[in-house]
Amino acid sequence: MIRLGSAGITALRLGGTEITRAYLGDRLVFDAAPPIPVYTITVAIDPAGSGTVAGAGQYQEGDTATITAEPADGYKFTGWQENGQQVSTGKSYSFAVTGDRTFTAVFEAKVSRLPTGYTELEYIESVKDKYYSIETPIGYKKSLSYLKIELDIMGTDSTFTGSRSIAISKNTNTSNAYSGFEIYSTALNKFGVSIYSGTNTSGGKYISGSFLNKRVLVEVDFKNKTISVDGNSASITATTSTLYSTVYLFSNTTTTSPVPLRLYSAKITYGVGLSSEKHYDFVPCKNSSGVIGLYELTDGKFYRNLASGTFIAGPAV
């Protein structure tokens, strides 16, 4: 505003054109443009102490504001709410500022499916040329034809070129007849199944499917005689064998290194198609002593590595 004597000028015109801004040299002496509104963005946490938030403060109209939320230990983020309505499920939420707004970051306590003292992990990881062997409840004198195995895995070592096991049940005492199976991988780009009956080996069916740095679901259904990798299926040999060894994940010995991989989950079904069908669900975890292994949910039992290697623990879930 320009003052002329004791009078303030709120508008200037040159001819019929209104002047909204005037300078005297480089100095602004008149500005009729209204100031840009400033608004307040408020963020809250529910319940208190369940996490942290950022992004609250004052913003000019038209600015882009970004609010972020991070859960505390033992909690998970469920979403941003405004006036009791959910507006986003992302931890980070951006929007154009058009007025005062109040958001609440909502968290909820995690409910662990494992007993107290166990920490669920995203995965456990084996390392090339180290030894790993995890026993499962399926074992001696079981019929292979009722077995199904599902493995959620990812290969981790580009230098691996061998052919080694992922899951196996095989009597390695060759002085006696042995029966069982082996699910294996070659060079992290194909899977195979071999079936042992007495001293004879059958199967050997390969199915291509690279899983280097790629998470895949491998399913071997011995009853229906199929192997599937992410839905890509192939037939395997008829399965009349009887298991003469426990079913192991990774390897069945303490001196043979298996495929280097991350195991996200393992599921084993025995008695497929029978009234006695039973499901085993293995969850990566570590126990209260920090030992890394698998917790089986059905029977409530922890399985650790029987060999000398030490698993790498994935992030806590």
C-alpha atoms as a PDB file:
ATOM      1  CA  MET A   1       0.000   0.000   0.000  1.00  0.00           C
ATOM      2  CA  ILE A   2       1.211   3.504  -0.860  1.00  0.00           C
ATOM      3  CA  ARG A   3       0.493   6.329   1.499  1.00  0.00           C
ATOM      4  CA  LEU A   4      -0.275   9.756   0.036  1.00  0.00           C
ATOM      5  CA  GLY A   5       0.023  12.191   2.912  1.00  0.00           C
ATOM      6  CA  SER A   6      -2.044  10.581   5.650  1.00  0.00           C
ATOM      7  CA  ALA A   7      -4.203   8.527   3.270  1.00  0.00           C
ATOM      8  CA  GLY A   8      -3.552   4.907   2.377  1.00  0.00           C
ATOM      9  CA  ILE A   9      -3.976   3.803  -1.224  1.00  0.00           C
ATOM     10  CA  THR A  10      -5.515   0.364  -1.723  1.00  0.00           C
ATOM     11  CA  ALA A  11      -5.815   0.526  -5.508  1.00  0.00           C
ATOM     12  CA  LEU A  12      -4.074   2.189  -8.409  1.00  0.00           C
ATOM     13  CA  ARG A  13      -5.336   2.585 -11.943  1.00  0.00           C
ATOM     14  CA  LEU A  14      -3.606   3.681 -15.092  1.00  0.00           C
ATOM     15  CA  GLY A  15      -6.340   4.699 -17.454  1.00  0.00           C
ATOM     16  CA  GLY A  16      -8.898   1.924 -17.071  1.00  0.00           C
ATOM     17  CA  THR A  17      -6.352  -0.748 -16.057  1.00  0.00           C
ATOM     18  CA  GLU A  18      -5.918  -1.672 -12.414  1.00  0.00           C
ATOM     19  CA  ILE A  19      -2.333  -1.792 -11.198  1.00  0.00           C
ATOM     20  CA  THR A  20      -1.744  -4.549  -8.610  1.00  0.00           C
ATOM     21  CA  ARG A  21       1.991  -4.014  -8.078  1.00  0.00           C
ATOM     22  CA  ALA A  22       4.182  -0.899  -8.407  1.00  0.00           C
ATOM     23  CA  TYR A  23       7.909  -0.305  -8.004  1.00  0.00           C
ATOM     24  CA  LEU A  24       9.988   2.794  -7.375  1.00  0.00           C
ATOM     25  CA  GLY A  25      13.222   1.825  -9.029  1.00  0.00           C
ATOM     26  CA  ASP A  26      13.886  -1.678  -7.708  1.00  0.00           C
ATOM     27  CA  ARG A  27      11.837  -1.124  -4.576  1.00  0.00           C
ATOM     28  CA  LEU A  28       8.333  -2.550  -4.317  1.00  0.00           C
ATOM     29  CA  VAL A  29       6.121   0.345  -3.182  1.00  0.00           C
ATOM     30  CA  PHE A  30       2.637  -1.095  -3.807  1.00  0.00           C
ATOM     31  CA  ASP A  31       1.332  -4.681  -3.753  1.00  0.00           C
ATOM     32  CA  ALA A  32      -2.376  -5.379  -3.829  1.00  0.00           C
ATOM     33  CA  ALA A  33      -1.973  -9.171  -4.308  1.00  0.00           C
ATOM     34  CA  PRO A  34      -3.391 -11.115  -1.338  1.00  0.00           C
ATOM     35  CA  PRO A  35      -0.921 -13.193   0.714  1.00  0.00           C
ATOM     36  CA  ILE A  36      -0.793 -16.974   0.034  1.00  0.00           C
ATOM     37  CA  PRO A  37      -2.796 -18.781   2.739  1.00  0.00           C
ATOM     38  CA  VAL A  38      -0.877 -20.928   5.206  1.00  0.00           C
ATOM     39  CA  TYR A  39      -2.496 -24.074   6.595  1.00  0.00           C
ATOM     40  CA  THR A  40      -1.643 -26.493   9.405  1.00  0.00           C
ATOM     41  CA  ILE A  41      -1.262 -30.240   8.898  1.00  0.00           C
ATOM     42  CA  THR A  42      -1.594 -32.204  12.134  1.00  0.00           C
ATOM     43  CA  VAL A  43      -0.693 -35.875  12.605  1.00  0.00           C
ATOM     44  CA  ALA A  44      -1.544 -38.080  15.568  1.00  0.00           C
ATOM     45  CA  ILE A  45      -0.832 -41.680  16.619  1.00  0.00           C
ATOM     46  CA  ASP A  46      -3.292 -44.356  17.695  1.00  0.00           C
ATOM     47  CA  PRO A  47      -2.671 -46.026  20.069  1.00  0.00           C
ATOM     48  CA  ALA A  48      -0.142 -43.816  21.829  1.00  0.00           C
ATOM     49  CA  GLY A  49       3.411 -45.133  21.727  1.00  0.00           C
ATOM     50  CA  SER A  50       2.712 -47.603  18.906  1.00  0.00           C
ATOM     51  CA  GLY A  51       4.868 -45.796  16.347  1.00  0.00           C
ATOM     52  CA  THR A  52       6.339 -42.543  15.101  1.00  0.00           C
ATOM     53  CA  VAL A  53       5.120 -40.028  12.530  1.00  0.00           C
ATOM     54  CA  ALA A  54       6.606 -37.168  10.534  1.00  0.00           C
ATOM     55  CA  GLY A  55       5.391 -34.452   8.168  1.00  0.00           C
ATOM     56  CA  ALA A  56       3.245 -32.319  10.473  1.00  0.00           C
ATOM     57  CA  GLY A  57       3.587 -28.535  10.241  1.00  0.00           C
ATOM     58  CA  GLN A  58       2.550 -25.457   8.298  1.00  0.00           C
ATOM     59  CA  TYR A  59       2.350 -25.414   4.516  1.00  0.00           C
ATOM     60  CA  GLN A  60       1.383 -22.805   1.945  1.00  0.00           C
ATOM     61  CA  GLU A  61      -1.703 -23.463  -0.134  1.00  0.00           C
ATOM     62  CA  GLY A  62      -0.795 -25.571  -3.171  1.00  0.00           C
ATOM     63  CA  ASP A  63       2.249 -27.150  -1.534  1.00  0.00           C
ATOM     64  CA  THR A  64       2.586 -30.928  -1.535  1.00  0.00           C
ATOM     65  CA  ALA A  65       2.735 -32.360   1.969  1.00  0.00           C
ATOM     66  CA  THR A  66       4.053 -35.854   2.737  1.00  0.00           C
ATOM     67  CA  ILE A  67       3.322 -37.573   6.023  1.00  0.00           C
ATOM     68  CA  THR A  68       5.068 -40.789   7.026  1.00  0.00           C
ATOM     69  CA  ALA A  69       4.537 -43.433   9.694  1.00  0.00           C
ATOM     70  CA  GLU A  70       6.816 -46.084  11.174  1.00  0.00           C
ATOM     71  CA  PRO A  71       5.597 -48.764  13.590  1.00  0.00           C
ATOM     72  CA  ALA A  72       7.325 -49.431  16.895  1.00  0.00           C
ATOM     73  CA  ASP A  73       8.566 -52.917  17.785  1.00  0.00           C
ATOM     74  CA  GLY A  74       5.630 -55.264  18.213  1.00  0.00           C
ATOM     75  CA  TYR A  75       3.260 -53.168  16.075  1.00  0.00           C
ATOM     76  CA  LYS A  76       2.286 -52.945  12.417  1.00  0.00           C
ATOM     77  CA  PHE A  77       0.926 -49.956  10.494  1.00  0.00           C
ATOM     78  CA  THR A  78      -2.645 -50.351   9.207  1.00  0.00           C
ATOM     79  CA  GLY A  79      -3.362 -46.977   7.586  1.00  0.00           C
ATOM     80  CA  TRP A  80      -3.943 -43.212   7.705  1.00  0.00           C
ATOM     81  CA  GLN A  81      -7.343 -41.989   8.858  1.00  0.00           C
ATOM     82  CA  GLU A  82      -9.008 -38.589   8.535  1.00  0.00           C
ATOM     83  CA  ASN A  83     -12.303 -37.897  10.325  1.00  0.00           C
ATOM     84  CA  GLY A  84     -12.545 -41.602  11.094  1.00  0.00           C
ATOM     85  CA  GLN A  85     -12.210 -42.636   7.427  1.00  0.00           C
ATOM     86  CA  GLN A  86      -9.193 -44.431   6.002  1.00  0.00           C
ATOM     87  CA  VAL A  87      -7.478 -42.395   3.281  1.00  0.00           C
ATOM     88  CA  SER A  88      -4.339 -44.473   2.659  1.00  0.00           C
ATOM     89  CA  THR A  89      -2.742 -47.768   3.654  1.00  0.00           C
ATOM     90  CA  GLY A  90       0.766 -46.679   2.664  1.00  0.00           C
ATOM     91  CA  LYS A  91       3.259 -45.654   5.305  1.00  0.00           C
ATOM     92  CA  SER A  92       3.952 -42.574   3.181  1.00  0.00           C
ATOM     93  CA  TYR A  93       1.029 -40.423   2.030  1.00  0.00           C
ATOM     94  CA  SER A  94       1.331 -37.285  -0.152  1.00  0.00           C
ATOM     95  CA  PHE A  95      -1.372 -34.740  -0.986  1.00  0.00           C
ATOM     96  CA  ALA A  96      -1.887 -31.148  -2.152  1.00  0.00           C
ATOM     97  CA  VAL A  97      -2.497 -28.727   0.692  1.00  0.00           C
ATOM     98  CA  THR A  98      -5.843 -26.915   0.377  1.00  0.00           C
ATOM     99  CA  GLY A  99      -6.710 -26.328   4.020  1.00  0.00           C
ATOM    100  CA  ASP A 100      -6.104 -27.391   7.616  1.00  0.00           C
ATOM    101  CA  ARG A 101      -6.184 -31.186   7.943  1.00  0.00           C
ATOM    102  CA  THR A 102      -5.714 -33.695  10.761  1.00  0.00           C
ATOM    103  CA  PHE A 103      -4.583 -37.267  10.157  1.00  0.00           C
ATOM    104  CA  THR A 104      -4.168 -40.237  12.495  1.00  0.00           C
ATOM    105  CA  ALA A 105      -1.626 -42.997  11.918  1.00  0.00           C
ATOM    106  CA  VAL A 106      -3.274 -46.202  13.100  1.00  0.00           C
ATOM    107  CA  PHE A 107      -1.169 -49.111  14.328  1.00  0.00           C
ATOM    108  CA  GLU A 108      -2.105 -52.468  15.792  1.00  0.00           C
ATOM    109  CA  ALA A 109      -0.194 -54.953  17.876  1.00  0.00           C
ATOM    110  CA  LYS A 110       1.252 -57.919  16.021  1.00  0.00           C
ATOM    111  CA  VAL A 111      -0.198 -61.261  16.996  1.00  0.00           C
ATOM    112  CA  SER A 112       2.540 -63.849  16.668  1.00  0.00           C
ATOM    113  CA  ARG A 113       1.621 -67.322  15.488  1.00  0.00           C
ATOM    114  CA  LEU A 114       4.683 -68.608  17.341  1.00  0.00           C
ATOM    115  CA  PRO A 115       5.014 -69.230  21.088  1.00  0.00           C
ATOM    116  CA  THR A 116       6.622 -66.722  23.426  1.00  0.00           C
ATOM    117  CA  GLY A 117      10.376 -66.645  22.935  1.00  0.00           C
ATOM    118  CA  TYR A 118      10.307 -67.297  19.196  1.00  0.00           C
ATOM    119  CA  THR A 119      10.794 -64.575  16.593  1.00  0.00           C
ATOM    120  CA  GLU A 120       9.300 -65.190  13.161  1.00  0.00           C
ATOM    121  CA  LEU A 121      11.670 -64.412  10.275  1.00  0.00           C
ATOM    122  CA  GLU A 122      10.940 -63.617   6.657  1.00  0.00           C
ATOM    123  CA  TYR A 123      13.333 -66.392   5.624  1.00  0.00           C
ATOM    124  CA  ILE A 124      16.341 -68.445   6.629  1.00  0.00           C
ATOM    125  CA  GLU A 125      19.279 -68.576   4.241  1.00  0.00           C
ATOM    126  CA  SER A 126      21.828 -71.309   3.586  1.00  0.00           C
ATOM    127  CA  VAL A 127      25.277 -70.506   2.210  1.00  0.00           C
ATOM    128  CA  LYS A 128      27.203 -72.237  -0.550  1.00  0.00           C
ATOM    129  CA  ASP A 129      29.497 -75.066   0.579  1.00  0.00           C
ATOM    130  CA  LYS A 130      28.195 -75.040   4.157  1.00  0.00           C
ATOM    131  CA  TYR A 131      26.240 -77.907   5.677  1.00  0.00           C
ATOM    132  CA  TYR A 132      22.520 -77.804   6.493  1.00  0.00           C
ATOM    133  CA  SER A 133      20.005 -80.507   7.320  1.00  0.00           C
ATOM    134  CA  ILE A 134      16.586 -80.084   8.916  1.00  0.00           C
ATOM    135  CA  GLU A 135      14.607 -83.150   9.914  1.00  0.00           C
ATOM    136  CA  THR A 136      10.819 -83.236   9.446  1.00  0.00           C
ATOM    137  CA  PRO A 137       8.115 -85.422  11.058  1.00  0.00           C
ATOM    138  CA  ILE A 138       7.696 -87.582   7.914  1.00  0.00           C
ATOM    139  CA  GLY A 139       9.839 -90.668   8.043  1.00  0.00           C
ATOM    140  CA  TYR A 140      10.571 -94.359   8.002  1.00  0.00           C
ATOM    141  CA  LYS A 141       8.175 -96.810   6.306  1.00  0.00           C
ATOM    142  CA  LYS A 142       5.898 -94.083   4.918  1.00  0.00           C
ATOM    143  CA  SER A 143       4.542 -94.498   1.398  1.00  0.00           C
ATOM    144  CA  LEU A 144       5.948 -91.927  -1.003  1.00  0.00           C
ATOM    145  CA  SER A 145       2.757 -91.978  -3.063  1.00  0.00           C
ATOM    146  CA  TYR A 146       0.889 -89.980  -0.387  1.00  0.00           C
ATOM    147  CA  LEU A 147       3.435 -87.195  -0.054  1.00  0.00           C
ATOM    148  CA  LYS A 148       3.284 -83.577  -1.249  1.00  0.00           C
ATOM    149  CA  ILE A 149       5.976 -80.956  -0.639  1.00  0.00           C
ATOM    150  CA  GLU A 150       5.671 -77.189  -1.239  1.00  0.00           C
ATOM    151  CA  LEU A 151       8.725 -74.939  -0.952  1.00  0.00           C
ATOM    152  CA  ASP A 152       8.824 -71.149  -1.248  1.00  0.00           C
ATOM    153  CA  ILE A 153      12.466 -70.433  -2.107  1.00  0.00           C
ATOM    154  CA  MET A 154      14.957 -68.140  -3.822  1.00  0.00           C
ATOM    155  CA  GLY A 155      18.468 -68.980  -5.033  1.00  0.00           C
ATOM    156  CA  THR A 156      21.131 -66.638  -3.699  1.00  0.00           C
ATOM    157  CA  ASP A 157      24.533 -67.472  -5.192  1.00  0.00           C
ATOM    158  CA  SER A 158      25.287 -66.846  -8.883  1.00  0.00           C
ATOM    159  CA  THR A 159      28.505 -68.887  -8.608  1.00  0.00           C
ATOM    160  CA  PHE A 160      26.637 -72.091  -7.770  1.00  0.00           C
ATOM    161  CA  THR A 161      26.906 -74.557 -10.662  1.00  0.00           C
ATOM    162  CA  GLY A 162      26.409 -77.938  -9.068  1.00  0.00           C
ATOM    163  CA  SER A 163      23.439 -80.244  -8.701  1.00  0.00           C
ATOM    164  CA  ARG A 164      22.399 -80.573  -5.057  1.00  0.00           C
ATOM    165  CA  SER A 165      19.352 -81.289  -2.974  1.00  0.00           C
ATOM    166  CA  ILE A 166      16.582 -79.049  -1.678  1.00  0.00           C
ATOM    167  CA  ALA A 167      14.597 -81.820   0.020  1.00  0.00           C
ATOM    168  CA  ILE A 168      15.478 -85.490   0.317  1.00  0.00           C
ATOM    169  CA  SER A 169      14.584 -88.836   1.852  1.00  0.00           C
ATOM    170  CA  LYS A 170      17.203 -91.380   0.916  1.00  0.00           C
ATOM    171  CA  ASN A 171      18.970 -94.194   2.728  1.00  0.00           C
ATOM    172  CA  THR A 172      22.607 -93.582   1.885  1.00  0.00           C
ATOM    173  CA  ASN A 173      23.735 -97.007   3.121  1.00  0.00           C
ATOM    174  CA  THR A 174      24.177 -98.605  -0.303  1.00  0.00           C
ATOM    175  CA  SER A 175      24.919-102.030   1.165  1.00  0.00           C
ATOM    176  CA  ASN A 176      21.165-102.350   1.746  1.00  0.00           C
ATOM    177  CA  ALA A 177      18.219-101.736  -0.513  1.00  0.00           C
ATOM    178  CA  TYR A 178      17.016 -98.161  -0.195  1.00  0.00           C
ATOM    179  CA  SER A 179      13.981 -96.237  -1.309  1.00  0.00           C
ATOM    180  CA  GLY A 180      12.989 -92.606  -1.291  1.00  0.00           C
ATOM    181  CA  PHE A 181      13.313 -89.452  -3.333  1.00  0.00           C
ATOM    182  CA  GLU A 182      15.375 -86.325  -3.930  1.00  0.00           C
ATOM    183  CA  ILE A 183      14.226 -82.882  -5.080  1.00  0.00           C
ATOM    184  CA  TYR A 184      17.242 -81.031  -6.382  1.00  0.00           C
ATOM    185  CA  SER A 185      18.399 -78.126  -8.518  1.00  0.00           C
ATOM    186  CA  THR A 186      21.142 -77.679 -11.052  1.00  0.00           C
ATOM    187  CA  ALA A 187      22.851 -74.286 -11.380  1.00  0.00           C
ATOM    188  CA  LEU A 188      19.780 -72.515  -9.930  1.00  0.00           C
ATOM    189  CA  ASN A 189      18.006 -72.697 -13.294  1.00  0.00           C
ATOM    190  CA  LYS A 190      16.285 -76.086 -13.322  1.00  0.00           C
ATOM    191  CA  PHE A 191      14.686 -78.484 -10.874  1.00  0.00           C
ATOM    192  CA  GLY A 192      14.688 -82.251 -10.838  1.00  0.00           C
ATOM    193  CA  VAL A 193      13.078 -85.162  -9.022  1.00  0.00           C
ATOM    194  CA  SER A 194      14.689 -88.561  -8.623  1.00  0.00           C
ATOM    195  CA  ILE A 195      12.848 -91.534  -7.130  1.00  0.00           C
ATOM    196  CA  TYR A 196      14.723 -94.425  -5.580  1.00  0.00           C
ATOM    197  CA  SER A 197      13.351 -97.951  -5.314  1.00  0.00           C
ATOM    198  CA  GLY A 198      15.732-100.592  -4.049  1.00  0.00           C
ATOM    199  CA  THR A 199      18.978 -99.932  -5.890  1.00  0.00           C
ATOM    200  CA  ASN A 200      17.212 -98.482  -8.923  1.00  0.00           C
ATOM    201  CA  THR A 201      16.848 -94.814  -9.720  1.00  0.00           C
ATOM    202  CA  SER A 202      13.986 -93.444 -11.772  1.00  0.00           C
ATOM    203  CA  GLY A 203      12.523 -90.025 -12.318  1.00  0.00           C
ATOM    204  CA  GLY A 204      15.298 -87.615 -13.130  1.00  0.00           C
ATOM    205  CA  LYS A 205      12.656 -85.315 -14.522  1.00  0.00           C
ATOM    206  CA  TYR A 206      13.883 -81.785 -15.089  1.00  0.00           C
ATOM    207  CA  ILE A 207      11.789 -78.651 -15.291  1.00  0.00           C
ATOM    208  CA  SER A 208      13.359 -75.348 -16.250  1.00  0.00           C
ATOM    209  CA  GLY A 209      12.860 -72.377 -13.959  1.00  0.00           C
ATOM    210  CA  SER A 210      15.567 -69.947 -12.924  1.00  0.00           C
ATOM    211  CA  PHE A 211      15.268 -68.862  -9.326  1.00  0.00           C
ATOM    212  CA  LEU A 212      18.487 -66.870  -8.900  1.00  0.00           C
ATOM    213  CA  ASN A 213      17.414 -63.780  -6.958  1.00  0.00           C
ATOM    214  CA  LYS A 214      13.827 -64.716  -7.829  1.00  0.00           C
ATOM    215  CA  ARG A 215      11.331 -66.138  -5.385  1.00  0.00           C
ATOM    216  CA  VAL A 216       9.491 -69.204  -6.708  1.00  0.00           C
ATOM    217  CA  LEU A 217       7.053 -71.795  -5.411  1.00  0.00           C
ATOM    218  CA  VAL A 218       8.152 -75.373  -6.058  1.00  0.00           C
ATOM    219  CA  GLU A 219       5.517 -78.086  -5.574  1.00  0.00           C
ATOM    220  CA  VAL A 220       6.131 -81.806  -5.886  1.00  0.00           C
ATOM    221  CA  ASP A 221       2.989 -83.930  -5.652  1.00  0.00           C
ATOM    222  CA  PHE A 222       3.991 -87.584  -5.631  1.00  0.00           C
ATOM    223  CA  LYS A 223       0.400 -88.831  -5.567  1.00  0.00           C
ATOM    224  CA  ASN A 224      -0.546 -86.923  -8.715  1.00  0.00           C
ATOM    225  CA  LYS A 225       2.942 -87.408 -10.188  1.00  0.00           C
ATOM    226  CA  THR A 226       3.699 -83.755 -10.938  1.00  0.00           C
ATOM    227  CA  ILE A 227       6.374 -81.174 -10.274  1.00  0.00           C
ATOM    228  CA  SER A 228       5.404 -77.526 -10.615  1.00  0.00           C
ATOM    229  CA  VAL A 229       7.492 -74.344 -10.556  1.00  0.00           C
ATOM    230  CA  ASP A 230       5.370 -71.197 -10.332  1.00  0.00           C
ATOM    231  CA  GLY A 231       2.524 -73.032 -12.083  1.00  0.00           C
ATOM    232  CA  ASN A 232       4.673 -74.507 -14.866  1.00  0.00           C
ATOM    233  CA  SER A 233       4.118 -78.258 -14.477  1.00  0.00           C
ATOM    234  CA  ALA A 234       5.663 -81.491 -15.679  1.00  0.00           C
ATOM    235  CA  SER A 235       4.933 -85.159 -15.028  1.00  0.00           C
ATOM    236  CA  ILE A 236       7.193 -87.335 -12.897  1.00  0.00           C
ATOM    237  CA  THR A 237       7.594 -91.104 -12.712  1.00  0.00           C
ATOM    238  CA  ALA A 238       5.051 -93.298 -10.930  1.00  0.00           C
ATOM    239  CA  THR A 239       5.761 -93.463  -7.215  1.00  0.00           C
ATOM    240  CA  THR A 240       5.519 -96.860  -5.556  1.00  0.00           C
ATOM    241  CA  SER A 241       8.479 -96.434  -3.216  1.00  0.00           C
ATOM    242  CA  THR A 242       8.425 -96.698   0.546  1.00  0.00           C
ATOM    243  CA  LEU A 243      10.512 -94.170   2.442  1.00  0.00           C
ATOM    244  CA  TYR A 244      13.396 -95.765   4.311  1.00  0.00           C
ATOM    245  CA  SER A 245      14.592 -92.472   5.714  1.00  0.00           C
ATOM    246  CA  THR A 246      13.143 -89.344   7.306  1.00  0.00           C
ATOM    247  CA  VAL A 247      12.241 -86.507   4.947  1.00  0.00           C
ATOM    248  CA  TYR A 248      14.827 -83.757   5.335  1.00  0.00           C
ATOM    249  CA  LEU A 249      14.905 -80.194   4.035  1.00  0.00           C
ATOM    250  CA  PHE A 250      18.162 -79.016   2.442  1.00  0.00           C
ATOM    251  CA  SER A 251      20.239 -82.229   2.831  1.00  0.00           C
ATOM    252  CA  ASN A 252      19.981 -85.515   4.715  1.00  0.00           C
ATOM    253  CA  THR A 253      23.609 -85.620   5.817  1.00  0.00           C
ATOM    254  CA  THR A 254      25.820 -83.444   7.964  1.00  0.00           C
ATOM    255  CA  THR A 255      28.640 -83.481   5.417  1.00  0.00           C
ATOM    256  CA  THR A 256      26.906 -82.659   2.127  1.00  0.00           C
ATOM    257  CA  SER A 257      26.170 -79.038   1.252  1.00  0.00           C
ATOM    258  CA  PRO A 258      22.730 -78.426  -0.321  1.00  0.00           C
ATOM    259  CA  VAL A 259      21.583 -75.731  -2.739  1.00  0.00           C
ATOM    260  CA  PRO A 260      22.367 -72.217  -1.407  1.00  0.00           C
ATOM    261  CA  LEU A 261      18.963 -70.593  -1.034  1.00  0.00           C
ATOM    262  CA  ARG A 262      16.506 -68.611   1.035  1.00  0.00           C
ATOM    263  CA  LEU A 263      13.639 -70.646   2.414  1.00  0.00           C
ATOM    264  CA  TYR A 264      10.535 -68.520   3.028  1.00  0.00           C
ATOM    265  CA  SER A 265       8.232 -71.393   3.933  1.00  0.00           C
ATOM    266  CA  ALA A 266       7.900 -75.144   3.659  1.00  0.00           C
ATOM    267  CA  LYS A 267       4.698 -77.154   3.696  1.00  0.00           C
ATOM    268  CA  ILE A 268       4.450 -80.923   3.723  1.00  0.00           C
ATOM    269  CA  THR A 269       1.233 -82.888   3.365  1.00  0.00           C
ATOM    270  CA  TYR A 270       1.161 -86.585   4.142  1.00  0.00           C
ATOM    271  CA  GLY A 271      -1.788 -88.816   3.388  1.00  0.00           C
ATOM    272  CA  VAL A 272      -2.904 -86.889   0.318  1.00  0.00           C
ATOM    273  CA  GLY A 273      -6.419 -88.008  -0.529  1.00  0.00           C
ATOM    274  CA  LEU A 274      -6.810 -90.055   2.657  1.00  0.00           C
ATOM    275  CA  SER A 275      -9.030 -89.360   5.670  1.00  0.00           C
ATOM    276  CA  SER A 276      -5.846 -89.233   7.746  1.00  0.00           C
ATOM    277  CA  GLU A 277      -4.340 -86.422   5.620  1.00  0.00           C
ATOM    278  CA  LYS A 278      -2.113 -84.220   7.777  1.00  0.00           C
ATOM    279  CA  HIS A 279      -0.514 -80.879   6.998  1.00  0.00           C
ATOM    280  CA  TYR A 280       2.795 -79.603   8.363  1.00  0.00           C
ATOM    281  CA  ASP A 281       3.597 -75.901   8.127  1.00  0.00           C
ATOM    282  CA  PHE A 282       7.204 -74.790   8.738  1.00  0.00           C
ATOM    283  CA  VAL A 283       7.897 -71.149   9.648  1.00  0.00           C
ATOM    284  CA  PRO A 284      11.400 -69.575   9.579  1.00  0.00           C
ATOM    285  CA  CYS A 285      12.301 -68.304  13.036  1.00  0.00           C
ATOM    286  CA  LYS A 286      14.847 -68.072  15.812  1.00  0.00           C
ATOM    287  CA  ASN A 287      14.327 -69.253  19.366  1.00  0.00           C
ATOM    288  CA  SER A 288      15.004 -67.430  22.624  1.00  0.00           C
ATOM    289  CA  SER A 289      18.652 -68.555  22.500  1.00  0.00           C
ATOM    290  CA  GLY A 290      19.098 -67.060  19.033  1.00  0.00           C
ATOM    291  CA  VAL A 291      19.224 -70.440  17.279  1.00  0.00           C
ATOM    292  CA  ILE A 292      17.867 -70.139  13.728  1.00  0.00           C
ATOM    293  CA  GLY A 293      15.628 -72.834  12.301  1.00  0.00           C
ATOM    294  CA  LEU A 294      12.018 -73.735  11.478  1.00  0.00           C
ATOM    295  CA  TYR A 295       9.001 -73.881  13.774  1.00  0.00           C
ATOM    296  CA  GLU A 296       6.340 -76.391  12.728  1.00  0.00           C
ATOM    297  CA  LEU A 297       2.894 -75.007  13.561  1.00  0.00           C
ATOM    298  CA  THR A 298       0.852 -78.228  13.521  1.00  0.00           C
ATOM    299  CA  ASP A 299       2.799 -80.155  16.148  1.00  0.00           C
ATOM    300  CA  GLY A 300       4.349 -77.086  17.782  1.00  0.00           C
ATOM    301  CA  LYS A 301       7.966 -78.180  17.463  1.00  0.00           C
ATOM    302  CA  PHE A 302      11.186 -76.305  16.694  1.00  0.00           C
ATOM    303  CA  TYR A 303      13.614 -77.859  14.195  1.00  0.00           C
ATOM    304  CA  ARG A 304      17.210 -76.689  14.110  1.00  0.00           C
ATOM    305  CA  ASN A 305      20.030 -77.422  11.697  1.00  0.00           C
ATOM    306  CA  LEU A 306      21.545 -80.838  12.412  1.00  0.00           C
ATOM    307  CA  ALA A 307      24.721 -80.060  10.467  1.00  0.00           C
ATOM    308  CA  SER A 308      27.544 -77.595  11.127  1.00  0.00           C
ATOM    309  CA  GLY A 309      26.417 -74.598   9.077  1.00  0.00           C
ATOM    310  CA  THR A 310      24.695 -71.568  10.579  1.00  0.00           C
ATOM    311  CA  PHE A 311      21.685 -70.137   8.797  1.00  0.00           C
ATOM    312  CA  ILE A 312      21.546 -66.427   7.966  1.00  0.00           C
ATOM    313  CA  ALA A 313      18.452 -64.910   9.561  1.00  0.00           C
ATOM    314  CA  GLY A 314      16.142 -62.855   7.403  1.00  0.00           C
ATOM    315  CA  PRO A 315      14.414 -59.769   8.858  1.00  0.00           C
ATOM    316  CA  ALA A 316      11.896 -60.261  11.635  1.00  0.00           C
ATOM    317  CA  VAL A 317       8.282 -60.359  10.468  1.00  0.00           C
END
